[in-house]
Amino acid sequence: VPNAGGRAACQNKGATFKVMRTSQLTAWSE
């Protein structure tokens, strides 16, 4: 994902990304 100010700090936080996205998908049907 491009960012006007250069690479965003959140793009280096793989563990946080994994928690947030996994948590969201937990609520979804198969």
PDB file of all heavy atoms in Angstrom:
ATOM      1  N   VAL A   1       0.860  -1.194   0.000  1.00  0.00           N
ATOM      2  CA  VAL A   1       0.000   0.000   0.000  1.00  0.00           C
ATOM      3  C   VAL A   1       0.889   1.234   0.000  1.00  0.00           C
ATOM      4  O   VAL A   1       1.720   1.404   0.888  1.00  0.00           O
ATOM      5  CB  VAL A   1      -0.923   0.027   1.239  1.00  0.00           C
ATOM      6  CG1 VAL A   1      -1.677   1.358   1.311  1.00  0.00           C
ATOM      7  CG2 VAL A   1      -1.908  -1.135   1.206  1.00  0.00           C
ATOM      8  N   PRO A   2       0.753   2.111  -0.997  1.00  0.00           N
ATOM      9  CA  PRO A   2       1.579   3.320  -1.032  1.00  0.00           C
ATOM     10  C   PRO A   2       1.127   4.325   0.011  1.00  0.00           C
ATOM     11  O   PRO A   2      -0.056   4.380   0.363  1.00  0.00           O
ATOM     12  CB  PRO A   2       1.346   3.855  -2.448  1.00  0.00           C
ATOM     13  CG  PRO A   2      -0.017   3.356  -2.814  1.00  0.00           C
ATOM     14  CD  PRO A   2      -0.161   2.012  -2.154  1.00  0.00           C
ATOM     15  N   ASN A   3       2.062   5.111   0.506  1.00  0.00           N
ATOM     16  CA  ASN A   3       1.754   6.124   1.510  1.00  0.00           C
ATOM     17  C   ASN A   3       2.483   7.410   1.131  1.00  0.00           C
ATOM     18  O   ASN A   3       3.687   7.387   0.851  1.00  0.00           O
ATOM     19  CB  ASN A   3       2.191   5.649   2.898  1.00  0.00           C
ATOM     20  CG  ASN A   3       1.782   6.625   3.996  1.00  0.00           C
ATOM     21  OD1 ASN A   3       0.644   7.076   4.050  1.00  0.00           O
ATOM     22  ND2 ASN A   3       2.717   6.943   4.867  1.00  0.00           N
ATOM     23  N   ALA A   4       1.750   8.514   1.123  1.00  0.00           N
ATOM     24  CA  ALA A   4       2.320   9.796   0.674  1.00  0.00           C
ATOM     25  C   ALA A   4       3.576  10.189   1.442  1.00  0.00           C
ATOM     26  O   ALA A   4       4.512  10.756   0.881  1.00  0.00           O
ATOM     27  CB  ALA A   4       1.268  10.895   0.789  1.00  0.00           C
ATOM     28  N   GLY A   5       3.615   9.855   2.712  1.00  0.00           N
ATOM     29  CA  GLY A   5       4.760  10.250   3.530  1.00  0.00           C
ATOM     30  C   GLY A   5       5.812   9.169   3.655  1.00  0.00           C
ATOM     31  O   GLY A   5       6.654   9.192   4.557  1.00  0.00           O
ATOM     32  N   GLY A   6       5.782   8.183   2.762  1.00  0.00           N
ATOM     33  CA  GLY A   6       6.700   7.062   2.880  1.00  0.00           C
ATOM     34  C   GLY A   6       6.037   5.914   3.615  1.00  0.00           C
ATOM     35  O   GLY A   6       4.869   5.988   3.984  1.00  0.00           O
ATOM     36  N   ARG A   7       6.769   4.857   3.831  1.00  0.00           N
ATOM     37  CA  ARG A   7       6.211   3.663   4.481  1.00  0.00           C
ATOM     38  C   ARG A   7       5.622   4.014   5.844  1.00  0.00           C
ATOM     39  O   ARG A   7       6.261   4.649   6.682  1.00  0.00           O
ATOM     40  CB  ARG A   7       7.315   2.621   4.635  1.00  0.00           C
ATOM     41  CG  ARG A   7       6.817   1.278   5.180  1.00  0.00           C
ATOM     42  CD  ARG A   7       7.958   0.267   5.177  1.00  0.00           C
ATOM     43  NE  ARG A   7       7.584  -0.971   5.825  1.00  0.00           N
ATOM     44  CZ  ARG A   7       6.878  -1.939   5.245  1.00  0.00           C
ATOM     45  NH1 ARG A   7       6.483  -1.809   4.008  1.00  0.00           N
ATOM     46  NH2 ARG A   7       6.569  -3.045   5.900  1.00  0.00           N
ATOM     47  N   ALA A   8       4.365   3.589   6.067  1.00  0.00           N
ATOM     48  CA  ALA A   8       3.679   3.867   7.328  1.00  0.00           C
ATOM     49  C   ALA A   8       4.186   2.932   8.421  1.00  0.00           C
ATOM     50  O   ALA A   8       4.542   1.779   8.160  1.00  0.00           O
ATOM     51  CB  ALA A   8       2.180   3.685   7.155  1.00  0.00           C
ATOM     52  N   ALA A   9       4.202   3.438   9.661  1.00  0.00           N
ATOM     53  CA  ALA A   9       4.693   2.649  10.796  1.00  0.00           C
ATOM     54  C   ALA A   9       3.902   1.354  10.970  1.00  0.00           C
ATOM     55  O   ALA A   9       4.463   0.311  11.300  1.00  0.00           O
ATOM     56  CB  ALA A   9       4.621   3.484  12.070  1.00  0.00           C
ATOM     57  N   CYS A  10       2.595   1.415  10.715  1.00  0.00           N
ATOM     58  CA  CYS A  10       1.756   0.223  10.907  1.00  0.00           C
ATOM     59  C   CYS A  10       2.104  -0.896   9.930  1.00  0.00           C
ATOM     60  O   CYS A  10       1.784  -2.062  10.171  1.00  0.00           O
ATOM     61  CB  CYS A  10       0.282   0.586  10.789  1.00  0.00           C
ATOM     62  SG  CYS A  10      -0.177   1.386   9.248  1.00  0.00           S
ATOM     63  N   GLN A  11       2.793  -0.556   8.840  1.00  0.00           N
ATOM     64  CA  GLN A  11       3.180  -1.579   7.869  1.00  0.00           C
ATOM     65  C   GLN A  11       4.336  -2.437   8.378  1.00  0.00           C
ATOM     66  O   GLN A  11       4.696  -3.434   7.748  1.00  0.00           O
ATOM     67  CB  GLN A  11       3.543  -0.934   6.532  1.00  0.00           C
ATOM     68  CG  GLN A  11       2.323  -0.392   5.784  1.00  0.00           C
ATOM     69  CD  GLN A  11       2.687   0.324   4.496  1.00  0.00           C
ATOM     70  OE1 GLN A  11       3.369   1.343   4.511  1.00  0.00           O
ATOM     71  NE2 GLN A  11       2.231  -0.208   3.376  1.00  0.00           N
ATOM     72  N   ASN A  12       4.909  -2.050   9.511  1.00  0.00           N
ATOM     73  CA  ASN A  12       5.979  -2.840  10.124  1.00  0.00           C
ATOM     74  C   ASN A  12       5.488  -3.631  11.336  1.00  0.00           C
ATOM     75  O   ASN A  12       6.277  -4.275  12.014  1.00  0.00           O
ATOM     76  CB  ASN A  12       7.131  -1.919  10.555  1.00  0.00           C
ATOM     77  CG  ASN A  12       7.767  -1.216   9.368  1.00  0.00           C
ATOM     78  OD1 ASN A  12       7.938  -1.803   8.308  1.00  0.00           O
ATOM     79  ND2 ASN A  12       8.111   0.051   9.534  1.00  0.00           N
ATOM     80  N   LYS A  13       4.180  -3.553  11.611  1.00  0.00           N
ATOM     81  CA  LYS A  13       3.631  -4.191  12.815  1.00  0.00           C
ATOM     82  C   LYS A  13       2.817  -5.429  12.428  1.00  0.00           C
ATOM     83  O   LYS A  13       1.591  -5.447  12.503  1.00  0.00           O
ATOM     84  CB  LYS A  13       2.784  -3.191  13.599  1.00  0.00           C
ATOM     85  CG  LYS A  13       3.601  -2.008  14.118  1.00  0.00           C
ATOM     86  CD  LYS A  13       2.751  -1.027  14.904  1.00  0.00           C
ATOM     87  CE  LYS A  13       3.590   0.123  15.444  1.00  0.00           C
ATOM     88  NZ  LYS A  13       2.777   1.114  16.193  1.00  0.00           N
ATOM     89  N   GLY A  14       3.532  -6.453  12.015  1.00  0.00           N
ATOM     90  CA  GLY A  14       2.891  -7.674  11.562  1.00  0.00           C
ATOM     91  C   GLY A  14       2.058  -8.370  12.619  1.00  0.00           C
ATOM     92  O   GLY A  14       0.975  -8.885  12.326  1.00  0.00           O
ATOM     93  N   ALA A  15       2.537  -8.372  13.854  1.00  0.00           N
ATOM     94  CA  ALA A  15       1.814  -9.055  14.931  1.00  0.00           C
ATOM     95  C   ALA A  15       0.475  -8.375  15.202  1.00  0.00           C
ATOM     96  O   ALA A  15      -0.550  -9.049  15.370  1.00  0.00           O
ATOM     97  CB  ALA A  15       2.664  -9.070  16.205  1.00  0.00           C
ATOM     98  N   THR A  16       0.479  -7.046  15.226  1.00  0.00           N
ATOM     99  CA  THR A  16      -0.756  -6.300  15.457  1.00  0.00           C
ATOM    100  C   THR A  16      -1.732  -6.524  14.306  1.00  0.00           C
ATOM    101  O   THR A  16      -2.935  -6.738  14.523  1.00  0.00           O
ATOM    102  CB  THR A  16      -0.463  -4.792  15.594  1.00  0.00           C
ATOM    103  OG1 THR A  16       0.420  -4.596  16.696  1.00  0.00           O
ATOM    104  CG2 THR A  16      -1.745  -4.002  15.825  1.00  0.00           C
ATOM    105  N   PHE A  17      -1.228  -6.471  13.096  1.00  0.00           N
ATOM    106  CA  PHE A  17      -2.057  -6.701  11.917  1.00  0.00           C
ATOM    107  C   PHE A  17      -2.715  -8.077  12.007  1.00  0.00           C
ATOM    108  O   PHE A  17      -3.921  -8.218  11.759  1.00  0.00           O
ATOM    109  CB  PHE A  17      -1.189  -6.609  10.650  1.00  0.00           C
ATOM    110  CG  PHE A  17      -1.951  -6.761   9.358  1.00  0.00           C
ATOM    111  CD1 PHE A  17      -2.439  -5.653   8.692  1.00  0.00           C
ATOM    112  CD2 PHE A  17      -2.159  -8.024   8.801  1.00  0.00           C
ATOM    113  CE1 PHE A  17      -3.135  -5.792   7.491  1.00  0.00           C
ATOM    114  CE2 PHE A  17      -2.852  -8.169   7.610  1.00  0.00           C
ATOM    115  CZ  PHE A  17      -3.343  -7.049   6.951  1.00  0.00           C
ATOM    116  N   LYS A  18      -1.938  -9.078  12.369  1.00  0.00           N
ATOM    117  CA  LYS A  18      -2.453 -10.443  12.457  1.00  0.00           C
ATOM    118  C   LYS A  18      -3.567 -10.553  13.493  1.00  0.00           C
ATOM    119  O   LYS A  18      -4.601 -11.179  13.242  1.00  0.00           O
ATOM    120  CB  LYS A  18      -1.324 -11.413  12.810  1.00  0.00           C
ATOM    121  CG  LYS A  18      -1.783 -12.866  12.881  1.00  0.00           C
ATOM    122  CD  LYS A  18      -0.615 -13.803  13.200  1.00  0.00           C
ATOM    123  CE  LYS A  18      -1.091 -15.246  13.282  1.00  0.00           C
ATOM    124  NZ  LYS A  18       0.034 -16.170  13.605  1.00  0.00           N
ATOM    125  N   VAL A  19      -3.379  -9.927  14.660  1.00  0.00           N
ATOM    126  CA  VAL A  19      -4.402  -9.974  15.707  1.00  0.00           C
ATOM    127  C   VAL A  19      -5.691  -9.317  15.237  1.00  0.00           C
ATOM    128  O   VAL A  19      -6.791  -9.874  15.374  1.00  0.00           O
ATOM    129  CB  VAL A  19      -3.905  -9.280  16.996  1.00  0.00           C
ATOM    130  CG1 VAL A  19      -5.069  -9.055  17.970  1.00  0.00           C
ATOM    131  CG2 VAL A  19      -2.825 -10.113  17.670  1.00  0.00           C
ATOM    132  N   MET A  20      -5.572  -8.115  14.668  1.00  0.00           N
ATOM    133  CA  MET A  20      -6.756  -7.364  14.266  1.00  0.00           C
ATOM    134  C   MET A  20      -7.539  -8.068  13.155  1.00  0.00           C
ATOM    135  O   MET A  20      -8.764  -8.184  13.209  1.00  0.00           O
ATOM    136  CB  MET A  20      -6.350  -5.963  13.797  1.00  0.00           C
ATOM    137  CG  MET A  20      -5.755  -5.098  14.891  1.00  0.00           C
ATOM    138  SD  MET A  20      -6.918  -4.861  16.264  1.00  0.00           S
ATOM    139  CE  MET A  20      -5.809  -4.989  17.668  1.00  0.00           C
ATOM    140  N   ARG A  21      -6.827  -8.541  12.157  1.00  0.00           N
ATOM    141  CA  ARG A  21      -7.510  -9.162  11.031  1.00  0.00           C
ATOM    142  C   ARG A  21      -8.057 -10.551  11.397  1.00  0.00           C
ATOM    143  O   ARG A  21      -9.167 -10.916  11.001  1.00  0.00           O
ATOM    144  CB  ARG A  21      -6.561  -9.270   9.831  1.00  0.00           C
ATOM    145  CG  ARG A  21      -6.064  -7.925   9.322  1.00  0.00           C
ATOM    146  CD  ARG A  21      -7.187  -6.969   9.001  1.00  0.00           C
ATOM    147  NE  ARG A  21      -8.040  -7.490   7.930  1.00  0.00           N
ATOM    148  CZ  ARG A  21      -9.180  -6.916   7.543  1.00  0.00           C
ATOM    149  NH1 ARG A  21      -9.631  -5.843   8.168  1.00  0.00           N
ATOM    150  NH2 ARG A  21      -9.890  -7.433   6.555  1.00  0.00           N
ATOM    151  N   THR A  22      -7.304 -11.318  12.154  1.00  0.00           N
ATOM    152  CA  THR A  22      -7.779 -12.634  12.580  1.00  0.00           C
ATOM    153  C   THR A  22      -9.023 -12.499  13.443  1.00  0.00           C
ATOM    154  O   THR A  22      -9.981 -13.262  13.297  1.00  0.00           O
ATOM    155  CB  THR A  22      -6.677 -13.387  13.358  1.00  0.00           C
ATOM    156  OG1 THR A  22      -5.537 -13.552  12.514  1.00  0.00           O
ATOM    157  CG2 THR A  22      -7.161 -14.753  13.828  1.00  0.00           C
ATOM    158  N   SER A  23      -9.018 -11.511  14.327  1.00  0.00           N
ATOM    159  CA  SER A  23     -10.169 -11.284  15.209  1.00  0.00           C
ATOM    160  C   SER A  23     -11.417 -10.968  14.396  1.00  0.00           C
ATOM    161  O   SER A  23     -12.503 -11.470  14.676  1.00  0.00           O
ATOM    162  CB  SER A  23      -9.871 -10.140  16.184  1.00  0.00           C
ATOM    163  OG  SER A  23      -8.798 -10.483  17.042  1.00  0.00           O
ATOM    164  N   GLN A  24     -11.269 -10.143  13.374  1.00  0.00           N
ATOM    165  CA  GLN A  24     -12.418  -9.794  12.535  1.00  0.00           C
ATOM    166  C   GLN A  24     -12.975 -11.023  11.828  1.00  0.00           C
ATOM    167  O   GLN A  24     -14.183 -11.260  11.808  1.00  0.00           O
ATOM    168  CB  GLN A  24     -12.039  -8.762  11.482  1.00  0.00           C
ATOM    169  CG  GLN A  24     -13.187  -8.465  10.514  1.00  0.00           C
ATOM    170  CD  GLN A  24     -12.893  -7.363   9.526  1.00  0.00           C
ATOM    171  OE1 GLN A  24     -12.348  -6.337   9.883  1.00  0.00           O
ATOM    172  NE2 GLN A  24     -13.253  -7.572   8.277  1.00  0.00           N
ATOM    173  N   LEU A  25     -12.089 -11.828  11.269  1.00  0.00           N
ATOM    174  CA  LEU A  25     -12.529 -12.983  10.493  1.00  0.00           C
ATOM    175  C   LEU A  25     -13.151 -14.070  11.359  1.00  0.00           C
ATOM    176  O   LEU A  25     -13.898 -14.913  10.872  1.00  0.00           O
ATOM    177  CB  LEU A  25     -11.347 -13.549   9.705  1.00  0.00           C
ATOM    178  CG  LEU A  25     -10.711 -12.588   8.679  1.00  0.00           C
ATOM    179  CD1 LEU A  25      -9.489 -13.234   8.025  1.00  0.00           C
ATOM    180  CD2 LEU A  25     -11.717 -12.176   7.617  1.00  0.00           C
ATOM    181  N   THR A  26     -12.878 -14.039  12.653  1.00  0.00           N
ATOM    182  CA  THR A  26     -13.448 -15.014  13.584  1.00  0.00           C
ATOM    183  C   THR A  26     -14.972 -14.940  13.606  1.00  0.00           C
ATOM    184  O   THR A  26     -15.648 -15.936  13.887  1.00  0.00           O
ATOM    185  CB  THR A  26     -12.897 -14.778  15.006  1.00  0.00           C
ATOM    186  OG1 THR A  26     -11.479 -14.929  14.980  1.00  0.00           O
ATOM    187  CG2 THR A  26     -13.474 -15.761  16.009  1.00  0.00           C
ATOM    188  N   ALA A  27     -15.516 -13.767  13.288  1.00  0.00           N
ATOM    189  CA  ALA A  27     -16.967 -13.574  13.342  1.00  0.00           C
ATOM    190  C   ALA A  27     -17.674 -13.987  12.056  1.00  0.00           C
ATOM    191  O   ALA A  27     -18.897 -13.885  11.965  1.00  0.00           O
ATOM    192  CB  ALA A  27     -17.275 -12.099  13.640  1.00  0.00           C
ATOM    193  N   TRP A  28     -16.904 -14.441  11.075  1.00  0.00           N
ATOM    194  CA  TRP A  28     -17.471 -14.739   9.761  1.00  0.00           C
ATOM    195  C   TRP A  28     -17.828 -16.208   9.589  1.00  0.00           C
ATOM    196  O   TRP A  28     -17.159 -17.097  10.133  1.00  0.00           O
ATOM    197  CB  TRP A  28     -16.477 -14.352   8.671  1.00  0.00           C
ATOM    198  CG  TRP A  28     -16.272 -12.878   8.498  1.00  0.00           C
ATOM    199  CD1 TRP A  28     -16.661 -11.878   9.347  1.00  0.00           C
ATOM    200  CD2 TRP A  28     -15.608 -12.236   7.402  1.00  0.00           C
ATOM    201  NE1 TRP A  28     -16.282 -10.670   8.844  1.00  0.00           N
ATOM    202  CE2 TRP A  28     -15.640 -10.843   7.657  1.00  0.00           C
ATOM    203  CE3 TRP A  28     -15.001 -12.714   6.249  1.00  0.00           C
ATOM    204  CZ2 TRP A  28     -15.080  -9.916   6.786  1.00  0.00           C
ATOM    205  CZ3 TRP A  28     -14.439 -11.791   5.373  1.00  0.00           C
ATOM    206  CH2 TRP A  28     -14.486 -10.406   5.638  1.00  0.00           C
ATOM    207  N   SER A  29     -18.850 -16.454   8.780  1.00  0.00           N
ATOM    208  CA  SER A  29     -19.247 -17.821   8.436  1.00  0.00           C
ATOM    209  C   SER A  29     -18.245 -18.412   7.443  1.00  0.00           C
ATOM    210  O   SER A  29     -17.484 -17.681   6.791  1.00  0.00           O
ATOM    211  CB  SER A  29     -20.640 -17.812   7.792  1.00  0.00           C
ATOM    212  OG  SER A  29     -20.596 -17.151   6.527  1.00  0.00           O
ATOM    213  N   GLU A  30     -18.276 -19.715   7.308  1.00  0.00           N
ATOM    214  CA  GLU A  30     -17.377 -20.392   6.373  1.00  0.00           C
ATOM    215  C   GLU A  30     -17.604 -19.945   4.921  1.00  0.00           C
ATOM    216  O   GLU A  30     -16.640 -19.646   4.212  1.00  0.00           O
ATOM    217  CB  GLU A  30     -17.519 -21.909   6.509  1.00  0.00           C
ATOM    218  CG  GLU A  30     -16.527 -22.682   5.672  1.00  0.00           C
ATOM    219  CD  GLU A  30     -16.515 -24.165   6.009  1.00  0.00           C
ATOM    220  OE1 GLU A  30     -16.851 -24.520   7.152  1.00  0.00           O
ATOM    221  OE2 GLU A  30     -16.174 -24.964   5.113  1.00  0.00           O
TER     222      GLU A  30
END
